[in-house]
Amino acid sequence: MAEKTWEISGQYMESCNCDYLCPCIFTNPQAPATHENCIALMVYRIDRGHHGDVSLDSLKFALVIRSKPVMSDGDWVFGCVVDEAANEAQRKALAGIVSGEAGGPPQMIRDNLVSDFRGVEFRPIDFKADGLRRTAEIPGILAFEIEGVASRNRSGEPFYIDNTAHPANRRLALARASKTKVQGFGLGLSMLGKGNNGHFAPFAWAA
């Protein structure tokens, strides 16, 4: 087996403008989004990671997507954000990963679904997780707040959907958003108190 060039793992969270539950998640994704386009905001925190000899521990990144009504039809707008806290070597390594140039899930997205790549920006990224609540903020780019939809069995766990084809994980926690905003990469969206769709999960990528 070929040695991996890079590996990253940690936690991911997401909000999109679709009503809960986003139709693409359980239709592979063949059903149209709730609105004219799907705008999805994904923020990732790397707990452990490296690209060659470059450590990527504790860094963050984000993917910003706008798709057609049916996500699998492609023609996506796609932008990436890399943690401003990264040093020069880390910026180069992580930008290569998240933009798809270094293989892995981002390359699959770029090669198969993206028609308008809007580049990589370097910004401070705030990622907070507290129980079922998740918040993310990237000044000048995006902000969202989501909370896992708790089961009535009083386990403290959210509902999950399993065996999906999502790039972050096959098993996603289900969540609703109290805020979803984007103002970067030429996109604009502001949703407050709409209960729109969200997810969170561990993730692990390599190439």
Protein backbone atom coordinates (compact mmCIF):
# COMPACT_ATOMS: atom_id res chain seq x y z
CA MET A 1 0.00 0.00 0.00
CA ALA A 2 1.32 3.43 -0.93
CA GLU A 3 2.34 5.65 1.97
CA LYS A 4 -0.09 8.48 2.67
CA THR A 5 1.16 11.98 1.85
CA TRP A 6 -1.17 13.61 4.35
CA GLU A 7 -3.71 12.72 7.04
CA ILE A 8 -6.08 14.92 9.03
CA SER A 9 -8.81 14.10 11.55
CA GLY A 10 -10.98 15.99 13.99
CA GLN A 11 -14.47 17.51 14.11
CA TYR A 12 -16.70 19.08 11.48
CA MET A 13 -19.88 21.18 11.59
CA GLU A 14 -22.14 22.49 8.86
CA SER A 15 -25.18 24.60 8.12
CA CYS A 16 -27.01 25.01 4.84
CA ASN A 17 -29.98 27.11 3.77
CA CYS A 18 -32.26 24.10 3.16
CA ASP A 19 -35.15 23.38 5.48
CA TYR A 20 -34.48 20.66 8.06
CA LEU A 21 -33.83 17.89 6.96
CA CYS A 22 -31.82 18.82 3.85
CA PRO A 23 -33.24 16.74 0.94
CA CYS A 24 -29.84 15.90 -0.54
CA ILE A 25 -28.80 13.94 2.56
CA PHE A 26 -31.35 11.16 2.11
CA THR A 27 -31.74 11.21 -1.71
CA ASN A 28 -28.13 10.57 -2.79
CA PRO A 29 -28.44 13.67 -3.59
CA GLN A 30 -31.12 13.65 -6.28
CA ALA A 31 -33.94 15.74 -4.81
CA PRO A 32 -33.93 19.51 -5.32
CA ALA A 33 -32.87 21.79 -2.49
CA THR A 34 -35.53 23.70 -0.58
CA HIS A 35 -34.61 26.92 -2.36
CA GLU A 36 -33.23 27.89 -5.77
CA ASN A 37 -29.69 26.98 -4.70
CA CYS A 38 -28.13 25.13 -1.81
CA ILE A 39 -25.58 27.23 0.08
CA ALA A 40 -23.59 25.01 2.43
CA LEU A 41 -21.01 26.14 4.99
CA MET A 42 -18.68 23.49 6.39
CA VAL A 43 -16.09 24.23 9.09
CA TYR A 44 -13.48 21.67 10.18
CA ARG A 45 -11.19 21.55 13.21
CA ILE A 46 -8.11 19.38 12.84
CA ASP A 47 -7.23 17.67 16.12
CA ARG A 48 -4.43 15.59 14.61
CA GLY A 49 -2.91 15.99 11.18
CA HIS A 50 0.18 16.32 9.04
CA HIS A 51 1.24 16.88 5.46
CA GLY A 52 4.60 15.18 5.15
CA ASP A 53 6.68 16.58 8.00
CA VAL A 54 4.42 19.59 8.50
CA SER A 55 2.13 19.32 11.55
CA LEU A 56 -1.45 20.51 11.05
CA ASP A 57 -2.62 19.85 14.62
CA SER A 58 -5.19 22.33 16.00
CA LEU A 59 -5.66 24.22 12.71
CA LYS A 60 -9.05 24.85 11.12
CA PHE A 61 -10.45 25.27 7.63
CA ALA A 62 -13.77 25.85 5.92
CA LEU A 63 -15.49 25.01 2.63
CA VAL A 64 -18.16 27.29 1.17
CA ILE A 65 -20.42 25.84 -1.53
CA ARG A 66 -23.28 27.02 -3.69
CA SER A 67 -24.89 24.35 -5.84
CA LYS A 68 -27.72 24.11 -8.31
CA PRO A 69 -31.07 22.92 -6.92
CA VAL A 70 -29.92 19.30 -7.37
CA MET A 71 -26.43 19.08 -5.85
CA SER A 72 -25.35 16.09 -7.93
CA ASP A 73 -25.85 18.14 -11.12
CA GLY A 74 -22.60 19.93 -10.30
CA ASP A 75 -21.82 23.45 -11.52
CA TRP A 76 -20.87 24.43 -7.96
CA VAL A 77 -19.32 27.64 -6.72
CA PHE A 78 -16.57 26.57 -4.31
CA GLY A 79 -14.39 28.61 -1.96
CA CYS A 80 -11.99 27.64 0.83
CA VAL A 81 -10.72 29.29 4.00
CA VAL A 82 -7.53 28.30 5.82
CA ASP A 83 -6.77 29.22 9.42
CA GLU A 84 -4.90 32.52 9.63
CA ALA A 85 -3.00 31.08 12.61
CA ALA A 86 -1.09 28.70 10.31
CA ASN A 87 2.55 29.49 9.57
CA GLU A 88 3.84 29.69 6.00
CA ALA A 89 4.54 25.96 5.64
CA GLN A 90 1.19 25.04 7.21
CA ARG A 91 -0.67 27.49 4.98
CA LYS A 92 0.85 25.97 1.86
CA ALA A 93 0.14 22.41 3.00
CA LEU A 94 -3.42 23.00 4.19
CA ALA A 95 -4.35 25.19 1.20
CA GLY A 96 -3.25 22.33 -1.08
CA ILE A 97 -5.46 19.90 0.80
CA VAL A 98 -8.62 21.97 1.09
CA SER A 99 -8.47 23.27 -2.50
CA GLY A 100 -8.27 19.71 -3.84
CA GLU A 101 -4.78 20.01 -5.28
CA ALA A 102 -3.42 17.37 -2.87
CA GLY A 103 -6.06 14.68 -3.43
CA GLY A 104 -8.62 13.28 -1.01
CA PRO A 105 -12.28 14.34 -0.67
CA PRO A 106 -11.69 17.97 -1.72
CA GLN A 107 -10.16 16.79 -5.00
CA MET A 108 -13.20 14.56 -5.58
CA ILE A 109 -15.42 17.62 -5.09
CA ARG A 110 -13.32 19.82 -7.41
CA ASP A 111 -12.99 17.21 -10.16
CA ASN A 112 -16.63 16.14 -10.26
CA LEU A 113 -18.82 19.01 -9.10
CA VAL A 114 -17.13 22.42 -9.24
CA SER A 115 -17.27 24.79 -12.20
CA ASP A 116 -16.37 28.04 -10.39
CA PHE A 117 -13.49 27.80 -7.92
CA ARG A 118 -13.13 31.08 -6.05
CA GLY A 119 -9.83 30.41 -4.34
CA VAL A 120 -8.41 30.14 -0.84
CA GLU A 121 -8.52 32.89 1.77
CA PHE A 122 -6.66 33.08 5.07
CA ARG A 123 -8.81 34.25 7.99
CA PRO A 124 -9.19 33.63 11.74
CA ILE A 125 -11.63 30.77 12.28
CA ASP A 126 -13.63 30.37 15.48
CA PHE A 127 -14.99 26.85 16.17
CA LYS A 128 -16.87 26.11 19.39
CA ALA A 129 -18.58 22.89 20.53
CA ASP A 130 -20.56 22.65 23.78
CA GLY A 131 -22.79 19.62 24.19
CA LEU A 132 -25.25 19.67 21.31
CA ARG A 133 -24.45 23.28 20.38
CA ARG A 134 -21.95 24.26 17.70
CA THR A 135 -20.95 27.74 16.56
CA ALA A 136 -18.59 28.88 13.83
CA GLU A 137 -17.46 32.32 12.74
CA ILE A 138 -15.02 33.56 10.11
CA PRO A 139 -15.01 37.37 9.98
CA GLY A 140 -16.01 38.66 6.56
CA ILE A 141 -16.95 35.19 5.33
CA LEU A 142 -19.53 33.30 7.40
CA ALA A 143 -21.16 32.65 10.75
CA PHE A 144 -23.59 30.01 11.92
CA GLU A 145 -25.05 28.51 15.08
CA ILE A 146 -26.56 25.03 15.18
CA GLU A 147 -27.89 22.68 17.85
CA GLY A 148 -28.29 18.92 17.61
CA VAL A 149 -31.89 17.70 17.54
CA ALA A 150 -32.13 15.66 20.74
CA SER A 151 -33.94 12.35 20.82
CA ARG A 152 -36.82 11.96 23.29
CA ASN A 153 -35.11 8.89 24.75
CA ARG A 154 -33.20 11.30 27.05
CA SER A 155 -29.82 9.88 26.13
CA GLY A 156 -28.41 13.36 25.57
CA GLU A 157 -27.53 12.28 22.03
CA PRO A 158 -28.91 13.87 18.87
CA PHE A 159 -30.66 12.00 16.09
CA TYR A 160 -28.25 10.63 13.48
CA ILE A 161 -28.51 9.69 9.84
CA ASP A 162 -26.25 6.83 8.78
CA ASN A 163 -24.71 5.42 5.59
CA THR A 164 -24.75 8.76 3.77
CA ALA A 165 -22.41 9.78 0.95
CA HIS A 166 -21.33 12.99 2.69
CA PRO A 167 -17.61 13.90 2.38
CA ALA A 168 -17.16 14.46 6.14
CA ASN A 169 -18.58 11.20 7.46
CA ARG A 170 -21.07 8.44 6.63
CA ARG A 171 -22.83 9.14 9.95
CA LEU A 172 -24.02 12.67 10.67
CA ALA A 173 -25.72 14.22 13.69
CA LEU A 174 -28.89 16.10 12.75
CA ALA A 175 -29.12 19.72 13.82
CA ARG A 176 -31.12 22.91 13.30
CA ALA A 177 -29.65 26.36 12.83
CA SER A 178 -30.59 29.52 14.71
CA LYS A 179 -28.30 31.61 12.49
CA THR A 180 -26.72 31.07 9.07
CA LYS A 181 -24.86 33.90 7.36
CA VAL A 182 -22.40 34.12 4.48
CA GLN A 183 -20.89 37.18 2.86
CA GLY A 184 -17.75 35.82 1.24
CA PHE A 185 -16.71 34.52 -2.18
CA GLY A 186 -19.34 36.70 -3.85
CA LEU A 187 -22.19 34.99 -2.00
CA GLY A 188 -24.76 36.56 0.29
CA LEU A 189 -27.16 34.93 2.73
CA SER A 190 -28.67 35.86 6.10
CA MET A 191 -31.06 33.53 7.93
CA LEU A 192 -32.06 34.09 11.55
CA GLY A 193 -34.36 31.85 13.58
CA LYS A 194 -35.40 29.74 10.59
CA GLY A 195 -34.49 26.33 12.02
CA ASN A 196 -32.74 25.44 8.77
CA ASN A 197 -30.52 22.42 8.36
CA GLY A 198 -27.29 21.57 10.20
CA HIS A 199 -24.97 18.64 10.87
CA PHE A 200 -21.87 17.74 12.86
CA ALA A 201 -19.59 14.70 13.03
CA PRO A 202 -16.02 13.52 13.43
CA PHE A 203 -14.05 13.41 10.18
CA ALA A 204 -10.89 11.69 8.94
CA TRP A 205 -9.31 12.32 5.52
CA ALA A 206 -6.10 11.13 3.92
CA ALA A 207 -4.38 10.85 0.55
